[in-house]
N, C-alpha and C. Protein backbone atom coordinates (compact mmCIF):
# COMPACT_ATOMS: atom_id res chain seq x y z
N UNK A 1 73.41 -65.48 58.97
CA UNK A 1 73.42 -63.81 58.56
C UNK A 1 72.64 -63.10 59.51
N UNK A 2 72.90 -61.79 59.55
CA UNK A 2 72.29 -60.80 60.37
C UNK A 2 71.97 -59.70 59.66
N UNK A 3 70.81 -59.09 60.09
CA UNK A 3 70.23 -57.97 59.55
C UNK A 3 70.65 -56.73 60.52
N UNK A 4 71.26 -55.73 60.24
CA UNK A 4 71.62 -54.84 61.12
C UNK A 4 70.71 -53.47 60.68
N UNK A 5 69.87 -53.09 61.37
CA UNK A 5 68.89 -51.94 61.25
C UNK A 5 69.32 -50.72 62.11
N UNK A 6 69.45 -49.59 61.47
CA UNK A 6 69.87 -48.40 62.41
C UNK A 6 68.99 -47.43 62.03
N UNK A 7 68.55 -46.64 63.01
CA UNK A 7 67.76 -45.39 63.01
C UNK A 7 68.82 -44.26 63.35
N UNK A 8 69.07 -43.25 62.52
CA UNK A 8 70.02 -42.37 62.87
C UNK A 8 69.54 -41.01 62.44
N UNK A 9 70.38 -40.09 63.02
CA UNK A 9 70.10 -38.57 62.35
C UNK A 9 70.47 -38.26 61.06
N UNK A 10 69.76 -37.72 60.23
CA UNK A 10 69.89 -37.66 58.76
C UNK A 10 71.35 -36.98 58.30
N UNK A 11 72.01 -36.11 59.09
CA UNK A 11 73.07 -35.59 58.70
C UNK A 11 74.57 -36.51 59.07
N UNK A 12 73.95 -37.71 59.72
CA UNK A 12 75.18 -38.77 59.94
C UNK A 12 75.11 -39.82 58.76
N UNK A 13 74.40 -39.81 57.88
CA UNK A 13 74.33 -40.79 56.89
C UNK A 13 75.73 -40.98 55.91
N UNK A 14 76.11 -39.95 55.71
CA UNK A 14 77.44 -39.99 54.67
C UNK A 14 78.66 -40.45 55.69
N UNK A 15 78.81 -39.96 56.87
CA UNK A 15 79.89 -40.40 57.78
C UNK A 15 79.62 -41.88 57.99
N UNK A 16 78.63 -42.30 58.00
CA UNK A 16 78.25 -43.81 58.48
C UNK A 16 78.51 -44.61 57.10
N UNK A 17 78.11 -44.22 55.90
CA UNK A 17 78.36 -44.90 54.65
C UNK A 17 79.90 -45.00 54.63
N UNK A 18 80.54 -43.67 54.63
CA UNK A 18 82.00 -43.85 54.47
C UNK A 18 82.70 -44.70 55.42
N UNK A 19 82.40 -44.82 56.69
CA UNK A 19 83.17 -45.88 57.63
C UNK A 19 82.77 -47.42 57.33
N UNK A 20 81.47 -47.66 56.79
CA UNK A 20 81.01 -48.73 56.39
C UNK A 20 81.89 -49.27 55.32
N UNK A 21 81.93 -48.33 54.32
CA UNK A 21 83.01 -48.80 53.10
C UNK A 21 84.27 -49.11 53.38
N UNK A 22 84.85 -48.35 54.73
CA UNK A 22 86.02 -48.54 55.03
C UNK A 22 86.33 -50.14 55.73
N UNK A 23 85.25 -50.58 55.76
CA UNK A 23 85.25 -52.06 56.57
C UNK A 23 84.82 -53.07 55.46
N UNK A 24 84.48 -52.56 54.20
CA UNK A 24 84.09 -53.63 53.36
C UNK A 24 82.73 -53.64 52.97
N UNK A 25 81.96 -52.83 53.59
CA UNK A 25 80.29 -52.62 53.37
C UNK A 25 80.04 -52.01 52.25
N UNK A 26 79.47 -52.56 50.99
CA UNK A 26 79.11 -51.82 49.85
C UNK A 26 77.55 -51.81 49.74
N UNK A 27 76.94 -52.56 50.40
CA UNK A 27 75.44 -52.80 50.14
C UNK A 27 74.63 -52.19 51.33
N UNK A 28 73.91 -50.96 51.15
CA UNK A 28 73.16 -50.48 52.03
C UNK A 28 71.84 -50.15 51.70
N UNK A 29 70.73 -50.18 52.36
CA UNK A 29 69.24 -49.79 51.91
C UNK A 29 69.06 -48.72 53.06
N UNK A 30 68.58 -47.44 52.62
CA UNK A 30 68.32 -46.42 53.50
C UNK A 30 67.21 -45.69 53.00
N UNK A 31 66.36 -45.29 53.89
CA UNK A 31 65.14 -44.42 53.56
C UNK A 31 64.88 -43.33 54.60
N UNK A 32 64.12 -42.31 54.21
CA UNK A 32 63.84 -41.44 55.05
C UNK A 32 62.46 -41.74 56.03
N UNK A 33 62.55 -41.83 57.27
CA UNK A 33 61.49 -42.01 58.01
C UNK A 33 61.39 -40.90 59.16
N UNK A 34 60.13 -41.15 59.91
CA UNK A 34 60.03 -39.98 61.04
C UNK A 34 59.61 -40.90 62.06
N UNK A 35 59.91 -40.34 63.25
CA UNK A 35 59.74 -41.07 64.73
C UNK A 35 60.11 -40.22 65.92
N UNK A 36 59.98 -40.82 67.06
CA UNK A 36 60.44 -40.12 68.24
C UNK A 36 60.67 -41.41 69.31
N UNK A 37 61.40 -40.93 70.14
CA UNK A 37 61.84 -41.81 71.25
C UNK A 37 61.68 -40.89 72.58
N UNK A 38 62.59 -41.09 73.52
CA UNK A 38 62.46 -40.68 74.68
C UNK A 38 62.32 -39.17 74.73
N UNK A 39 62.88 -38.47 73.75
CA UNK A 39 63.14 -36.92 73.49
C UNK A 39 61.62 -36.48 73.17
N UNK A 40 60.61 -37.36 72.62
CA UNK A 40 59.42 -37.06 72.45
C UNK A 40 59.18 -35.77 71.55
N UNK A 41 59.92 -35.69 70.44
CA UNK A 41 59.99 -34.45 69.56
C UNK A 41 60.67 -33.46 70.21
N UNK A 42 60.46 -32.25 69.52
CA UNK A 42 61.10 -31.02 70.13
C UNK A 42 60.30 -29.76 69.86
N UNK A 43 60.69 -28.73 70.38
CA UNK A 43 59.90 -27.45 70.08
C UNK A 43 60.62 -26.52 68.90
N UNK A 44 59.90 -26.17 68.15
CA UNK A 44 60.43 -25.19 67.06
C UNK A 44 59.90 -23.77 67.15
N UNK A 45 60.50 -22.85 66.46
CA UNK A 45 59.78 -21.52 66.53
C UNK A 45 59.82 -21.30 64.91
N UNK A 46 58.58 -20.87 64.54
CA UNK A 46 58.37 -20.30 63.21
C UNK A 46 57.50 -19.07 63.09
N UNK A 47 58.19 -18.13 62.46
CA UNK A 47 57.41 -16.80 62.58
C UNK A 47 56.93 -16.42 63.77
N UNK A 48 57.74 -16.50 64.92
CA UNK A 48 57.55 -15.91 66.14
C UNK A 48 56.49 -17.03 67.09
N UNK A 49 56.02 -17.95 66.48
CA UNK A 49 55.09 -18.99 67.20
C UNK A 49 55.87 -20.19 67.51
N UNK A 50 55.78 -20.79 68.70
CA UNK A 50 56.32 -22.02 69.00
C UNK A 50 55.41 -23.26 68.79
N UNK A 51 55.86 -24.29 68.28
CA UNK A 51 55.09 -25.40 68.13
C UNK A 51 55.85 -26.68 68.28
N UNK A 52 55.09 -27.70 68.85
CA UNK A 52 55.82 -28.98 68.86
C UNK A 52 55.92 -30.00 67.81
N UNK A 53 56.96 -30.42 67.54
CA UNK A 53 57.24 -31.38 66.48
C UNK A 53 57.31 -32.61 67.20
N UNK A 54 56.24 -33.45 66.99
CA UNK A 54 56.34 -34.89 67.53
C UNK A 54 57.19 -35.96 66.79
N UNK A 55 57.09 -35.79 65.56
CA UNK A 55 57.92 -36.87 64.71
C UNK A 55 59.04 -36.17 64.07
N UNK A 56 60.30 -36.70 64.51
CA UNK A 56 61.38 -36.09 64.14
C UNK A 56 62.03 -36.74 62.93
N UNK A 57 62.58 -36.01 61.99
CA UNK A 57 63.06 -36.63 60.65
C UNK A 57 64.28 -37.68 61.07
N UNK A 58 64.25 -38.74 60.49
CA UNK A 58 65.50 -39.79 60.81
C UNK A 58 65.81 -40.54 59.43
N UNK A 59 66.73 -41.24 59.46
CA UNK A 59 67.14 -42.19 58.39
C UNK A 59 67.18 -43.55 59.00
N UNK A 60 66.59 -44.46 58.21
CA UNK A 60 66.51 -45.84 58.64
C UNK A 60 67.48 -46.58 57.54
N UNK A 61 68.52 -47.28 57.97
CA UNK A 61 69.49 -48.12 57.32
C UNK A 61 69.20 -49.74 57.54
N UNK A 62 69.42 -50.32 56.57
CA UNK A 62 69.25 -51.88 56.68
C UNK A 62 70.75 -52.33 55.99
N UNK A 63 71.29 -53.24 56.69
CA UNK A 63 72.38 -53.87 56.12
C UNK A 63 72.35 -55.50 56.48
N UNK A 64 72.49 -56.38 55.48
CA UNK A 64 72.51 -57.75 55.90
C UNK A 64 73.99 -58.18 55.60
N UNK A 65 74.49 -58.79 56.77
CA UNK A 65 75.90 -59.15 56.64
C UNK A 65 76.14 -60.60 57.25
N UNK A 66 77.36 -61.41 56.94
CA UNK A 66 77.46 -62.55 57.55
C UNK A 66 77.63 -62.36 59.07
N UNK A 67 77.38 -63.52 59.79
CA UNK A 67 77.33 -63.45 61.20
C UNK A 67 78.64 -62.96 61.80
N UNK A 68 79.77 -63.28 61.22
CA UNK A 68 80.91 -62.96 61.67
C UNK A 68 81.31 -61.29 61.58
N UNK A 69 80.66 -60.66 60.68
CA UNK A 69 80.72 -59.41 60.42
C UNK A 69 79.78 -58.41 61.19
N UNK A 70 78.90 -58.92 61.88
CA UNK A 70 77.77 -58.03 62.24
C UNK A 70 78.21 -57.26 63.49
N UNK A 71 79.04 -57.70 64.35
CA UNK A 71 79.59 -56.83 65.63
C UNK A 71 80.36 -55.77 65.07
N UNK A 72 81.20 -55.96 63.93
CA UNK A 72 82.04 -54.73 63.39
C UNK A 72 81.23 -53.76 62.93
N UNK A 73 80.19 -54.29 62.22
CA UNK A 73 79.13 -53.15 61.60
C UNK A 73 78.42 -52.45 62.54
N UNK A 74 77.91 -53.08 63.64
CA UNK A 74 77.16 -52.43 64.79
C UNK A 74 78.14 -51.37 65.30
N UNK A 75 79.48 -51.74 65.65
CA UNK A 75 80.36 -50.83 66.36
C UNK A 75 80.72 -49.65 65.43
N UNK A 76 80.68 -50.02 64.19
CA UNK A 76 81.14 -48.99 63.05
C UNK A 76 80.00 -47.83 63.07
N UNK A 77 78.88 -48.50 63.07
CA UNK A 77 77.87 -47.38 63.01
C UNK A 77 77.68 -46.65 64.25
N UNK A 78 77.90 -47.37 65.47
CA UNK A 78 77.60 -46.69 66.85
C UNK A 78 78.60 -45.59 66.68
N UNK A 79 79.85 -45.89 66.46
CA UNK A 79 80.96 -44.78 66.47
C UNK A 79 80.78 -43.46 65.61
N UNK A 80 80.15 -43.96 64.35
CA UNK A 80 79.96 -42.70 63.34
C UNK A 80 78.76 -42.08 63.68
N UNK A 81 77.82 -42.65 64.10
CA UNK A 81 76.47 -42.00 64.41
C UNK A 81 76.47 -41.42 65.85
N UNK A 82 77.46 -41.50 66.64
CA UNK A 82 77.45 -40.91 68.06
C UNK A 82 77.69 -39.55 68.08
N UNK A 83 76.86 -38.51 68.50
CA UNK A 83 77.16 -37.27 68.53
C UNK A 83 76.94 -36.89 70.15
N UNK A 84 76.69 -37.78 70.87
CA UNK A 84 76.51 -37.72 72.34
C UNK A 84 75.50 -36.80 72.83
N UNK A 85 74.47 -36.63 71.94
CA UNK A 85 73.36 -35.85 72.39
C UNK A 85 72.20 -36.74 72.13
N UNK A 86 71.07 -36.37 72.94
CA UNK A 86 69.78 -37.17 72.75
C UNK A 86 69.35 -37.38 71.28
N UNK A 87 68.80 -38.24 70.89
CA UNK A 87 68.27 -38.76 69.57
C UNK A 87 69.30 -39.13 68.62
N UNK A 88 70.36 -39.75 69.01
CA UNK A 88 71.41 -40.12 68.22
C UNK A 88 70.91 -41.42 67.45
N UNK A 89 69.91 -42.10 68.00
CA UNK A 89 69.25 -43.24 67.23
C UNK A 89 69.44 -44.55 67.81
N UNK A 90 69.03 -45.73 67.20
CA UNK A 90 69.16 -46.99 67.83
C UNK A 90 69.73 -47.95 66.81
N UNK A 91 70.16 -49.08 67.18
CA UNK A 91 70.57 -50.24 66.21
C UNK A 91 69.92 -51.54 66.78
N UNK A 92 69.54 -52.14 65.61
CA UNK A 92 68.73 -53.35 65.87
C UNK A 92 69.45 -54.43 65.09
N UNK A 93 69.73 -55.58 65.81
CA UNK A 93 70.16 -56.79 65.00
C UNK A 93 69.30 -57.94 65.06
N UNK A 94 69.02 -58.60 63.87
CA UNK A 94 68.09 -59.77 63.77
C UNK A 94 68.60 -60.67 62.83
N UNK A 95 68.16 -61.89 63.15
CA UNK A 95 68.67 -63.03 62.29
C UNK A 95 67.85 -63.13 61.09
N UNK A 96 68.64 -63.51 59.82
CA UNK A 96 67.99 -63.53 58.58
C UNK A 96 68.12 -65.04 58.20
N UNK A 97 67.09 -65.60 57.79
CA UNK A 97 66.83 -66.98 57.40
C UNK A 97 67.32 -67.29 56.10
N UNK A 98 67.17 -66.47 55.07
CA UNK A 98 67.27 -66.71 53.82
C UNK A 98 67.49 -65.48 53.03
N UNK A 99 68.56 -65.43 52.07
CA UNK A 99 68.57 -64.21 51.03
C UNK A 99 68.77 -64.91 49.72
N UNK A 100 67.82 -64.32 48.70
CA UNK A 100 68.18 -64.80 47.39
C UNK A 100 68.45 -63.53 46.43
N UNK A 101 69.26 -63.71 45.66
CA UNK A 101 69.51 -62.54 44.57
C UNK A 101 68.61 -62.99 43.39
N UNK A 102 67.63 -62.13 43.17
CA UNK A 102 66.86 -62.36 42.03
C UNK A 102 67.43 -62.70 40.65
N UNK A 103 68.28 -61.67 40.30
CA UNK A 103 68.91 -61.96 38.98
C UNK A 103 69.58 -63.16 38.83
N UNK A 104 70.36 -63.51 39.75
CA UNK A 104 71.19 -64.84 39.48
C UNK A 104 70.62 -66.07 40.02
N UNK A 105 69.91 -65.84 41.11
CA UNK A 105 69.29 -67.25 41.89
C UNK A 105 70.39 -67.47 42.91
N UNK A 106 71.51 -66.75 43.09
CA UNK A 106 72.37 -66.99 44.23
C UNK A 106 71.65 -66.99 45.53
N UNK A 107 71.97 -67.84 46.52
CA UNK A 107 71.36 -67.76 47.82
C UNK A 107 72.36 -67.47 48.90
N UNK A 108 71.82 -66.96 50.10
CA UNK A 108 72.35 -66.78 51.31
C UNK A 108 73.56 -65.89 51.34
N UNK A 109 74.77 -66.14 51.78
CA UNK A 109 75.90 -65.39 51.83
C UNK A 109 76.50 -65.10 50.30
N UNK A 110 76.14 -65.97 49.36
CA UNK A 110 76.59 -65.75 47.93
C UNK A 110 75.81 -64.63 47.37
N UNK A 111 74.66 -64.21 47.90
CA UNK A 111 73.78 -63.43 47.45
C UNK A 111 74.02 -61.91 47.88
N UNK A 112 74.88 -62.08 49.01
CA UNK A 112 75.11 -60.65 49.68
C UNK A 112 76.26 -59.96 48.84
């Protein structure tokens, strides 16, 4: 099993969710996060004053999938999140050793 984590622009979450549903992915965990990468934030103008915003709002998504589905999920997220501008985000893929569904006790892929 693989865990696919994606840090994306907030306005892309619905596009990604729709595309993932189209390939059969129904379980996603997402939360609001803040961070910066190469762009190191951005300048904003508020009431005539410029100021630096170091931490940019993002969404972090986590999806655990069987090994054979991981690459399809990665490519689906990449295509749906891509705007071609700086700050589109990152995708991380890691191995998952064990999954347990609390309610039923199902394990690993049965728990997904």
